[in-house]
Protein backbone atom coordinates (compact mmCIF):
# COMPACT_ATOMS: atom_id res chain seq x y z
CA MET A 1 134.36 14.51 38.73
CA THR A 2 134.19 18.25 39.43
CA THR A 3 130.57 19.44 39.72
CA PRO A 4 129.55 23.02 38.79
CA GLU A 5 129.14 23.77 42.50
CA LYS A 6 132.73 22.65 43.16
CA THR A 7 134.33 24.26 40.11
CA PRO A 8 137.10 26.58 41.36
CA LEU A 9 135.97 30.16 40.80
CA HIS A 10 137.58 33.54 41.21
CA ILE A 11 136.29 37.05 40.50
CA ARG A 12 138.35 39.82 38.95
CA MET A 13 136.66 43.20 39.30
CA HIS A 14 138.40 45.08 36.47
CA ALA A 15 140.52 44.16 33.46
CA GLY A 16 143.37 46.18 34.99
CA ASP A 17 143.41 44.19 38.24
CA ASN A 18 146.30 41.87 39.05
CA VAL A 19 144.42 40.08 41.84
CA ALA A 20 141.09 38.26 42.07
CA ILE A 21 139.11 36.86 45.01
CA VAL A 22 138.26 33.19 45.58
CA VAL A 23 134.51 32.55 45.40
CA ASN A 24 134.15 28.98 46.70
CA ASP A 25 132.71 28.34 50.16
CA GLY A 26 135.49 27.26 52.51
CA GLY A 27 138.23 28.53 50.19
CA LEU A 28 140.49 26.39 48.01
CA PRO A 29 143.60 24.26 48.73
CA VAL A 30 147.10 24.73 47.38
CA GLY A 31 147.47 23.29 43.90
CA THR A 32 143.89 24.06 42.85
CA VAL A 33 143.68 24.65 39.10
CA PHE A 34 141.12 27.18 37.84
CA PRO A 35 139.41 26.81 34.45
CA ASP A 36 141.62 29.63 33.09
CA GLY A 37 144.77 27.67 34.05
CA LEU A 38 145.68 29.65 37.19
CA VAL A 39 147.23 27.36 39.83
CA LEU A 40 147.12 28.26 43.53
CA ALA A 41 150.59 28.45 45.07
CA ASP A 42 148.97 28.68 48.54
CA ALA A 43 145.72 27.62 50.16
CA VAL A 44 143.42 30.66 49.85
CA PRO A 45 140.36 31.25 52.08
CA GLN A 46 137.04 32.29 50.56
CA GLY A 47 136.95 35.97 49.67
CA HIS A 48 140.72 36.37 49.87
CA LYS A 49 142.89 37.55 47.01
CA VAL A 50 145.08 35.52 44.71
CA ALA A 51 147.83 37.01 42.51
CA LEU A 52 147.03 36.77 38.80
CA ALA A 53 150.62 37.58 37.81
CA ASP A 54 154.09 37.50 39.36
CA LEU A 55 154.59 40.51 41.64
CA ALA A 56 158.01 41.89 42.56
CA GLU A 57 158.64 43.58 45.88
CA GLY A 58 157.16 47.08 45.74
CA ASP A 59 154.79 46.33 42.85
CA ALA A 60 151.32 47.81 43.06
CA VAL A 61 148.56 45.39 43.99
CA ILE A 62 145.49 46.44 42.04
CA ARG A 63 141.82 45.67 42.71
CA TYR A 64 138.86 47.71 41.39
CA ASN A 65 141.51 49.21 39.07
CA VAL A 66 142.87 50.99 42.16
CA THR A 67 146.16 50.44 43.95
CA ILE A 68 145.12 48.93 47.27
CA GLY A 69 148.69 48.28 48.43
CA PHE A 70 152.25 47.37 47.49
CA ALA A 71 153.84 43.93 47.63
CA ALA A 72 156.01 43.64 50.74
CA ARG A 73 158.03 40.89 49.06
CA ALA A 74 158.14 38.99 45.80
CA LEU A 75 154.85 37.14 45.27
CA PRO A 76 154.59 34.51 42.52
CA LYS A 77 151.47 34.11 40.44
CA GLY A 78 148.89 32.08 42.39
CA SER A 79 150.03 33.42 45.79
CA TRP A 80 147.63 34.31 48.58
CA ILE A 81 147.63 38.12 48.87
CA SER A 82 146.86 38.75 52.53
CA GLU A 83 147.25 41.79 54.75
CA ALA A 84 150.62 40.40 55.92
CA VAL A 85 152.21 40.76 52.47
CA LEU A 86 150.86 44.24 51.67
CA ARG A 87 152.06 47.74 52.50
CA MET A 88 149.17 50.24 52.57
CA PRO A 89 149.47 53.28 50.29
CA ALA A 90 149.33 56.80 51.69
CA ALA A 91 145.92 58.48 51.85
CA ARG A 92 144.93 60.67 48.92
CA GLU A 93 145.68 64.33 49.64
CA LEU A 94 142.66 66.59 50.02
CA GLU A 95 144.14 69.16 47.66
CA GLY A 96 144.05 69.08 43.89
CA LEU A 97 141.04 66.78 43.77
CA PRO A 98 138.75 66.57 40.72
CA ILE A 99 135.79 68.84 41.40
CA ALA A 100 132.45 68.09 39.70
CA THR A 101 134.25 66.71 36.65
CA ARG A 102 132.29 63.51 36.11
CA ALA A 103 128.86 63.91 34.57
CA ALA A 104 126.27 61.47 35.88
CA PRO A 105 124.89 59.07 33.28
CA VAL A 106 121.61 60.15 31.73
CA MET A 107 118.91 57.94 33.26
CA GLU A 108 115.24 57.92 32.32
CA ALA A 109 112.82 58.92 35.09
CA LEU A 110 111.16 55.98 36.78
CA GLU A 111 107.44 56.62 37.19
CA GLY A 112 104.42 54.77 38.49
CA TYR A 113 105.93 53.10 41.57
CA THR A 114 104.09 53.68 44.85
CA PHE A 115 103.79 52.46 48.41
CA GLN A 116 101.28 52.78 51.24
CA GLY A 117 102.65 55.26 53.75
CA PHE A 118 101.60 57.68 56.49
CA ARG A 119 101.63 61.25 55.21
CA ASN A 120 102.66 63.90 57.73
CA ALA A 121 101.59 67.52 58.05
CA ASP A 122 105.05 68.72 57.03
CA GLY A 123 104.90 66.76 53.75
CA SER A 124 107.17 63.92 54.85
CA VAL A 125 105.93 60.33 54.79
CA GLY A 126 106.32 57.61 57.38
CA THR A 127 106.72 53.95 56.60
CA ARG A 128 105.70 53.16 60.18
CA ASN A 129 103.37 54.85 62.70
CA ILE A 130 105.28 54.88 65.98
CA LEU A 131 104.93 56.70 69.29
CA ALA A 132 108.48 57.71 70.22
CA ILE A 133 109.24 58.93 73.74
CA THR A 134 112.28 61.20 73.68
CA THR A 135 114.52 61.34 76.75
CA THR A 136 116.66 64.30 77.73
CA VAL A 137 119.13 62.39 79.87
CA GLN A 138 120.37 58.85 80.50
CA CYS A 139 119.11 58.97 84.10
CA VAL A 140 115.48 58.44 83.02
CA SER A 141 116.15 55.47 80.75
CA GLY A 142 115.18 52.80 83.30
CA VAL A 143 111.89 54.51 84.11
CA VAL A 144 111.04 55.01 80.43
CA ASP A 145 111.93 51.41 79.61
CA HIS A 146 109.56 50.20 82.32
CA ALA A 147 106.81 52.55 81.13
CA VAL A 148 107.21 51.51 77.48
CA LYS A 149 106.71 47.84 78.42
CA ARG A 150 103.50 48.76 80.26
CA ILE A 151 102.27 50.96 77.40
CA LYS A 152 102.85 48.16 74.88
CA SER A 153 100.99 45.57 76.94
CA GLU A 154 98.17 47.72 78.34
CA LEU A 155 97.55 50.61 75.91
CA LEU A 156 98.88 49.73 72.45
CA PRO A 157 96.34 46.93 71.77
CA ARG A 158 93.60 49.59 71.88
CA TYR A 159 95.20 51.51 68.99
CA PRO A 160 95.40 49.20 65.94
CA ASN A 161 96.80 51.86 63.58
CA VAL A 162 99.87 52.45 65.77
CA ASP A 163 102.74 50.07 65.00
CA ASP A 164 104.89 50.42 68.09
CA VAL A 165 105.93 52.45 71.11
CA ILE A 166 109.63 53.07 71.69
CA GLY A 167 111.86 55.01 74.03
CA LEU A 168 114.58 57.11 72.40
CA GLU A 169 117.11 56.25 75.08
CA HIS A 170 120.75 57.32 75.00
CA SER A 171 123.72 58.04 77.25
CA TYR A 172 123.80 61.83 76.85
CA GLY A 173 122.30 64.81 78.68
CA CYS A 174 124.44 65.34 81.75
CA GLY A 175 128.07 64.93 82.82
CA VAL A 176 129.09 66.65 79.58
CA ALA A 177 130.39 70.09 78.66
CA ILE A 178 127.02 71.18 77.31
CA ASP A 179 128.36 74.40 75.74
CA ALA A 180 131.63 73.00 74.40
CA PRO A 181 132.45 73.08 70.69
CA GLY A 182 130.75 70.08 69.11
CA ALA A 183 128.04 69.78 71.77
CA GLU A 184 125.46 70.95 69.26
CA ILE A 185 125.86 67.67 67.34
CA PRO A 186 124.22 65.28 69.86
CA ILE A 187 121.63 67.92 70.77
CA ARG A 188 120.47 68.53 67.20
CA THR A 189 120.60 64.79 66.57
CA LEU A 190 118.08 64.14 69.35
CA ARG A 191 115.91 67.06 68.22
CA ASN A 192 115.86 65.91 64.62
CA ILE A 193 115.23 62.26 65.47
CA THR A 194 112.11 63.39 67.30
CA GLN A 195 110.94 64.77 63.94
CA ASN A 196 111.57 61.52 62.06
CA PRO A 197 108.72 60.86 59.59
CA ASN A 198 107.91 57.54 61.28
CA PHE A 199 106.85 59.34 64.48
CA GLY A 200 104.01 61.34 62.94
CA GLY A 201 104.65 64.68 64.64
CA GLN A 202 103.53 63.51 68.09
CA ALA A 203 106.47 64.66 70.18
CA MET A 204 106.66 63.36 73.75
CA VAL A 205 109.58 63.90 76.09
CA VAL A 206 110.51 62.57 79.54
CA SER A 207 113.08 64.53 81.56
CA LEU A 208 114.55 64.18 85.02
CA GLY A 209 114.60 67.87 85.96
CA CYS A 210 118.16 68.63 87.03
CA GLU A 211 120.03 67.63 83.87
CA LYS A 212 122.13 69.98 81.75
CA LEU A 213 120.12 69.22 78.62
CA GLN A 214 116.86 70.86 79.61
CA PRO A 215 113.73 70.26 77.46
CA ALA A 216 113.62 73.95 76.54
CA ARG A 217 117.12 73.65 75.14
CA LEU A 218 116.39 70.42 73.31
CA PHE A 219 113.14 71.81 71.87
CA PRO A 220 113.28 75.61 71.59
CA LYS A 221 109.94 77.28 70.84
CA GLY A 222 108.90 76.59 67.26
CA SER A 223 111.75 74.15 66.60
CA ILE A 224 109.52 71.20 65.74
CA PRO A 225 106.07 70.87 64.15
CA ILE A 226 103.64 68.99 66.40
CA LEU A 227 100.24 67.55 65.47
CA SER A 228 98.54 68.43 68.75
CA GLY A 229 99.57 71.10 71.22
CA ALA A 230 102.02 73.99 71.05
CA ASP A 231 104.87 72.17 72.78
CA PRO A 232 106.06 68.60 73.13
CA ALA A 233 104.08 66.61 75.68
CA HIS A 234 106.40 66.67 78.69
CA VAL A 235 106.73 64.55 81.82
CA CYS A 236 109.34 65.66 84.37
CA LEU A 237 110.15 62.97 86.94
CA GLN A 238 111.30 65.45 89.61
CA ASP A 239 107.99 67.33 89.56
CA GLU A 240 106.57 67.59 93.10
CA GLY A 241 103.38 65.93 91.91
CA HIS A 242 105.21 62.63 91.51
CA VAL A 243 105.09 60.69 94.77
CA GLY A 244 106.93 57.45 94.27
CA PHE A 245 107.90 55.40 91.23
CA GLN A 246 104.38 54.30 90.34
CA SER A 247 103.15 57.88 90.01
CA MET A 248 105.92 58.56 87.48
CA ILE A 249 104.83 55.56 85.41
CA ASP A 250 101.16 56.57 85.66
CA SER A 251 102.02 60.09 84.45
CA ILE A 252 103.96 58.77 81.44
CA MET A 253 101.13 56.37 80.57
CA ARG A 254 98.44 59.07 80.78
CA THR A 255 100.45 61.30 78.45
CA ALA A 256 101.16 58.43 76.09
CA ASP A 257 97.47 57.59 75.93
CA VAL A 258 96.72 61.07 74.59
CA GLN A 259 99.50 60.77 72.02
CA LEU A 260 98.34 57.34 70.91
CA THR A 261 94.81 58.64 70.40
CA VAL A 262 96.08 61.18 67.86
CA LEU A 263 98.43 58.75 66.11
CA ASN A 264 95.68 56.15 65.79
CA LEU A 265 93.72 58.50 63.52
CA ARG A 266 96.39 58.21 60.87
CA GLN A 267 95.81 55.88 57.91
CA ARG A 268 98.11 54.55 55.22
CA GLU A 269 97.60 56.13 51.83
CA THR A 270 99.10 55.73 48.39
CA CYS A 271 102.37 57.67 48.13
CA PRO A 272 104.84 57.91 45.23
CA ALA A 273 108.23 56.24 45.54
CA SER A 274 109.69 59.75 45.58
CA ASP A 275 108.60 59.98 49.25
CA LEU A 276 111.08 57.31 50.29
CA VAL A 277 114.12 58.45 52.28
CA VAL A 278 116.54 55.54 52.26
CA GLY A 279 119.73 55.22 54.27
CA VAL A 280 122.28 52.70 53.01
CA GLN A 281 125.07 51.28 55.14
CA CYS A 282 127.35 48.25 55.41
CA GLY A 283 128.65 46.45 58.49
CA GLY A 284 130.63 43.30 59.04
CA SER A 285 131.95 43.82 55.52
CA ASP A 286 133.97 41.29 53.56
CA ALA A 287 135.60 41.09 50.14
CA PHE A 288 132.23 40.16 48.59
CA SER A 289 130.63 43.39 49.82
CA GLY A 290 132.00 45.29 46.83
CA VAL A 291 131.19 42.40 44.45
CA THR A 292 127.60 41.46 45.27
CA ALA A 293 125.56 43.29 47.92
CA ASN A 294 126.92 46.82 47.60
CA PRO A 295 126.75 46.93 43.76
CA ALA A 296 123.16 45.64 43.99
CA VAL A 297 122.37 48.37 46.51
CA GLY A 298 124.07 50.86 44.17
CA TYR A 299 121.81 49.72 41.32
CA ALA A 300 118.76 50.11 43.60
CA THR A 301 120.07 53.54 44.62
CA ASP A 302 120.02 54.63 40.99
CA LEU A 303 116.46 53.29 40.64
CA LEU A 304 115.39 55.28 43.71
CA VAL A 305 116.98 58.47 42.42
CA ARG A 306 115.30 57.92 39.05
CA ALA A 307 112.00 57.62 40.94
CA GLY A 308 112.63 60.97 42.66
CA ALA A 309 113.46 59.52 46.09
CA THR A 310 116.25 60.45 48.48
CA VAL A 311 119.15 58.13 49.27
CA MET A 312 121.83 58.75 51.87
CA PHE A 313 125.18 57.00 51.90
CA SER A 314 127.59 57.69 54.74
CA GLU A 315 130.57 56.48 56.78
CA VAL A 316 133.41 58.98 56.49
CA THR A 317 135.92 56.38 57.60
CA GLU A 318 134.74 54.00 54.87
CA VAL A 319 134.97 56.41 51.93
CA ARG A 320 137.92 58.66 52.83
CA ASP A 321 140.26 56.71 50.55
CA GLY A 322 137.93 57.20 47.61
CA ILE A 323 137.40 60.93 48.07
CA ASP A 324 138.50 61.70 44.50
CA GLN A 325 135.72 59.43 43.19
CA LEU A 326 133.18 61.37 45.24
CA THR A 327 134.28 64.93 44.55
CA SER A 328 134.31 64.19 40.83
CA ARG A 329 130.64 63.11 41.06
CA ALA A 330 129.51 66.18 43.00
CA VAL A 331 126.80 68.16 41.25
CA ASN A 332 128.81 71.34 41.82
CA ALA A 333 131.91 72.74 43.54
CA GLU A 334 129.98 73.63 46.70
CA VAL A 335 128.99 70.00 47.28
CA ALA A 336 132.53 68.78 46.55
CA GLU A 337 134.05 71.25 49.01
CA ALA A 338 131.56 70.19 51.69
CA MET A 339 132.70 66.57 51.30
CA ILE A 340 136.33 67.63 51.53
CA ARG A 341 135.61 69.53 54.76
CA GLU A 342 134.09 66.40 56.32
CA MET A 343 137.13 64.31 55.33
CA ALA A 344 139.50 66.97 56.68
CA TRP A 345 137.65 66.91 60.01
CA TYR A 346 138.13 63.14 60.13
CA ASP A 347 141.86 63.45 59.38
CA ALA A 348 142.24 65.96 62.20
CA TYR A 349 140.21 63.73 64.52
CA LEU A 350 142.57 60.80 63.91
CA THR A 351 145.58 63.03 64.49
CA ARG A 352 144.17 64.24 67.84
CA GLY A 353 143.62 60.63 68.89
CA GLY A 354 147.14 59.58 67.89
CA VAL A 355 145.92 56.86 65.48
CA ASP A 356 145.83 56.43 61.72
CA ARG A 357 143.27 55.10 59.29
CA SER A 358 144.76 51.58 59.32
CA ALA A 359 142.82 51.01 62.56
CA ASN A 360 139.57 50.86 60.60
CA THR A 361 139.51 47.32 59.26
CA THR A 362 138.29 44.91 61.93
CA PRO A 363 139.39 41.33 62.55
CA GLY A 364 136.17 40.23 60.87
CA ASN A 365 136.82 42.40 57.81
CA LYS A 366 140.26 40.84 57.48
CA LYS A 367 138.97 37.30 57.95
CA GLY A 368 136.53 38.06 55.13
CA GLY A 369 139.35 39.03 52.78
CA LEU A 370 139.62 42.81 53.19
CA SER A 371 143.30 43.64 53.64
CA ASN A 372 143.04 47.33 54.48
CA ILE A 373 140.84 50.42 54.45
CA VAL A 374 141.71 51.25 50.83
CA GLU A 375 140.23 47.99 49.59
CA LYS A 376 137.30 48.35 51.99
CA ALA A 377 136.57 51.87 50.76
CA MET A 378 136.38 50.80 47.13
CA GLY A 379 133.74 48.21 47.99
CA SER A 380 131.82 50.61 50.21
CA ILE A 381 131.46 53.48 47.75
CA VAL A 382 129.60 51.39 45.18
CA LYS A 383 126.49 51.48 47.43
CA SER A 384 126.06 55.05 46.15
CA GLY A 385 125.41 53.94 42.57
CA SER A 386 126.27 56.28 39.73
CA SER A 387 124.04 59.33 40.24
CA ALA A 388 125.39 62.82 40.90
CA ILE A 389 125.86 63.69 44.57
CA THR A 390 123.44 66.56 45.23
CA GLY A 391 124.14 67.45 48.85
CA VAL A 392 126.17 66.90 52.02
CA LEU A 393 124.91 66.69 55.60
CA SER A 394 127.05 67.21 58.67
CA PRO A 395 126.35 64.87 61.62
CA GLY A 396 122.86 65.33 63.07
CA GLU A 397 121.58 67.63 60.35
CA LYS A 398 118.19 67.21 58.68
CA LEU A 399 117.69 66.62 54.96
CA LYS A 400 116.68 69.56 52.84
CA GLN A 401 116.86 68.11 49.32
CA LYS A 402 116.17 64.99 47.31
CA GLY A 403 118.49 62.85 45.22
CA LEU A 404 121.74 61.22 46.29
CA VAL A 405 123.10 62.80 49.48
CA TYR A 406 126.31 62.20 51.38
CA ALA A 407 125.47 62.18 55.11
CA ALA A 408 128.74 62.41 57.03
CA THR A 409 128.82 59.88 59.87
CA PRO A 410 131.37 57.66 61.58
CA ALA A 411 131.45 54.07 60.32
CA SER A 412 130.09 52.63 63.58
CA ASP A 413 126.87 50.87 62.61
CA PHE A 414 124.70 52.31 65.35
CA ILE A 415 126.08 55.85 65.21
CA CYS A 416 125.58 55.88 61.45
CA GLY A 417 122.02 54.57 61.78
CA THR A 418 121.24 57.11 64.51
CA LEU A 419 122.48 60.02 62.39
CA GLN A 420 120.61 58.83 59.30
CA LEU A 421 117.44 58.67 61.43
CA ALA A 422 118.05 62.27 62.47
CA ALA A 423 118.36 63.23 58.81
CA GLY A 424 114.88 61.85 58.12
CA MET A 425 115.41 58.25 57.00
CA ASN A 426 112.21 56.20 56.80
CA ILE A 427 113.73 52.92 55.57
CA HIS A 428 117.22 51.46 56.02
CA VAL A 429 119.24 49.05 53.86
CA PHE A 430 122.15 47.29 55.55
CA THR A 431 124.60 44.95 53.81
CA THR A 432 126.79 42.44 55.61
CA GLY A 433 129.29 39.74 54.74
CA ARG A 434 130.29 38.45 58.15
CA GLY A 435 126.78 38.81 59.60
CA THR A 436 125.29 41.07 62.28
CA PRO A 437 121.97 41.11 64.16
CA TYR A 438 121.79 44.90 63.67
CA GLY A 439 118.33 46.46 63.81
CA LEU A 440 116.60 49.77 64.54
CA ALA A 441 113.34 50.26 66.43
CA GLU A 442 112.72 53.57 64.68
CA CYS A 443 112.48 52.31 61.10
CA PRO A 444 112.54 49.01 59.17
CA VAL A 445 115.97 47.60 58.32
CA ILE A 446 116.40 45.43 55.21
CA LYS A 447 119.43 43.16 55.59
CA VAL A 448 121.38 42.05 52.51
CA ALA A 449 123.83 39.13 52.66
CA THR A 450 126.93 39.24 50.46
CA ARG A 451 127.42 35.45 50.34
CA ASN A 452 125.28 32.36 49.76
CA ASP A 453 126.78 30.68 52.82
CA LEU A 454 125.76 33.54 55.13
CA ALA A 455 122.26 33.67 53.61
CA ARG A 456 121.86 29.92 54.22
CA ARG A 457 123.16 29.95 57.77
CA TRP A 458 121.34 33.14 58.76
CA HIS A 459 118.21 32.38 56.72
CA ASP A 460 115.89 34.05 59.23
CA LEU A 461 117.98 37.22 59.59
CA MET A 462 118.81 38.12 55.97
CA ASP A 463 116.06 39.61 53.78
CA VAL A 464 117.98 39.47 50.48
CA ASN A 465 120.70 37.09 49.30
CA ALA A 466 123.09 38.98 47.01
CA GLY A 467 125.50 36.03 47.10
CA ARG A 468 123.65 34.68 44.06
CA ILE A 469 125.55 37.27 42.02
CA ALA A 470 128.90 35.64 42.81
CA SER A 471 127.61 32.16 42.07
CA GLY A 472 126.10 33.25 38.75
CA GLU A 473 122.48 32.62 39.74
CA ALA A 474 121.48 36.29 39.46
CA SER A 475 122.84 39.55 38.08
CA ILE A 476 123.48 42.82 39.89
CA GLU A 477 120.50 44.22 38.03
CA ASP A 478 118.27 41.32 39.13
CA VAL A 479 119.09 41.78 42.80
CA GLY A 480 118.91 45.59 42.49
CA TRP A 481 115.36 45.41 41.18
CA GLU A 482 114.44 42.82 43.80
CA LEU A 483 115.71 45.15 46.52
CA PHE A 484 113.89 48.17 45.05
CA LYS A 485 110.56 46.33 44.98
CA LEU A 486 111.14 44.93 48.47
CA MET A 487 111.66 48.48 49.76
CA LEU A 488 108.21 49.44 48.43
CA ASP A 489 106.66 46.39 50.11
CA VAL A 490 108.41 47.06 53.42
CA ALA A 491 107.52 50.76 53.24
CA SER A 492 103.89 49.64 52.87
CA GLY A 493 104.03 47.63 56.09
CA SER A 494 105.62 44.26 55.29
CA LYS A 495 107.95 43.31 58.14
CA THR A 496 111.66 42.67 57.77
CA TRP A 497 113.40 39.90 59.71
CA ALA A 498 114.90 42.49 62.07
CA GLU A 499 111.37 43.71 62.86
CA HIS A 500 110.08 40.17 63.21
CA TRP A 501 112.65 39.38 65.90
CA LYS A 502 112.51 42.94 67.33
CA LEU A 503 116.28 43.41 66.92
CA HIS A 504 116.31 46.93 68.27
CA ASN A 505 119.46 48.72 69.34
CA ALA A 506 119.59 51.86 71.45
CA LEU A 507 120.49 55.19 69.90
CA THR A 508 124.22 55.87 69.82
CA LEU A 509 124.99 59.57 69.69
CA PHE A 510 128.11 61.01 68.13
CA ASN A 511 129.54 63.33 70.76
CA PRO A 512 132.83 65.06 69.91
CA ALA A 513 132.50 67.42 72.90
CA PRO A 514 134.64 66.73 76.00
CA VAL A 515 133.17 65.03 79.06
CA THR A 516 133.27 66.98 82.35
């Protein structure tokens, strides 16, 4: 007898689609009969597409009511629609796009939701109270790493209101064409990360001394507000006063002690949900990303915007094939044109590298049922919800407005997270279908699983199981509200699994400038 758990299930995203994805864990064998009478002509893995009608060679294959490819050969109803039997359509031209033509739905303001955060002198709010030690060059990373371990074990226990001490380590600063076009991107990224709300305005920097990226260039006079002192607290390892390795460590620890004293005076206070700055991202995506986790994040995005908060969605490579959907949602022509400029830069970047956009989907994406970047893009965009897009940030820029903002970043998980931190993110939401131990030291990361199987297997890594949407145990709205309320709890100090296990990845800077 077939139990409800074993009932063959497929999900069709739109009435106009001629494919659906298989829901069941482990996929389904050839000959499987669905309740609607569809019979599988092939064995189909979980998350992969099945033809709902006979397709002739050259017929459009439609998912999300969008042509995601063309049949490379005749495909009978019930066939497995894999990457091997699809030809990818050409990318949408960046001319003649709809500009600010789609009015956002009217949504009632959401009031009364708060969290306990750390208010900063510049008006921003931190969800964590962290001492961050900025580095000017990769050469000092080993010293800073050693010092941070000592600070955590010897100093941090004396300052109960400080959550953590981290080194903002990276691979930039020297061996680069520091004045080349594009070099301003990694430099402003580092500068703006130092101002992240979770660091409380206590800027501390460790330099080597001989590097191209000098502290005065990284932090020009008046470039950052600081709680104590006129300039960032600075330790230069090549200073003549440092005699041996231990004296360098002692100098860093003395400076850190002063910074920690100031940070420890900060207290959590009640802040409105409008003070949240949320970055949303997906990684290790699968065909369920656009069915469960990302729509739930999109629903939560709309709740955040209704509450007056700021939400950033990103990943140029992930949304390029849906550019018409984005420009139509722009609040005005200026915002639409800014998005087009970012996509045009990406197109030129691919051309310079001699590759095309088909390189985007990874082996894991494909194993999870995503045939190409067009299909992946449709599932990625839904993280942005339905609100109007109010602004666009170029890589490394800092936020200047609230609402739904497109922050242009590459799709690489860690580069995207780094750039969202520079923009001012104080909480991060990350969806995954294949699974990833991604985490950030600089702000809490809420991980959302797209499938029940992943949530079960990675039970102590995933904070939210959106797979319940596919199995009918919860709605998109249910999980969206759950995620919204979890964000308020996490912003108030509750730890995510990534924080519990200290899954912290180093900053990854986007550097389009040439190396010397």
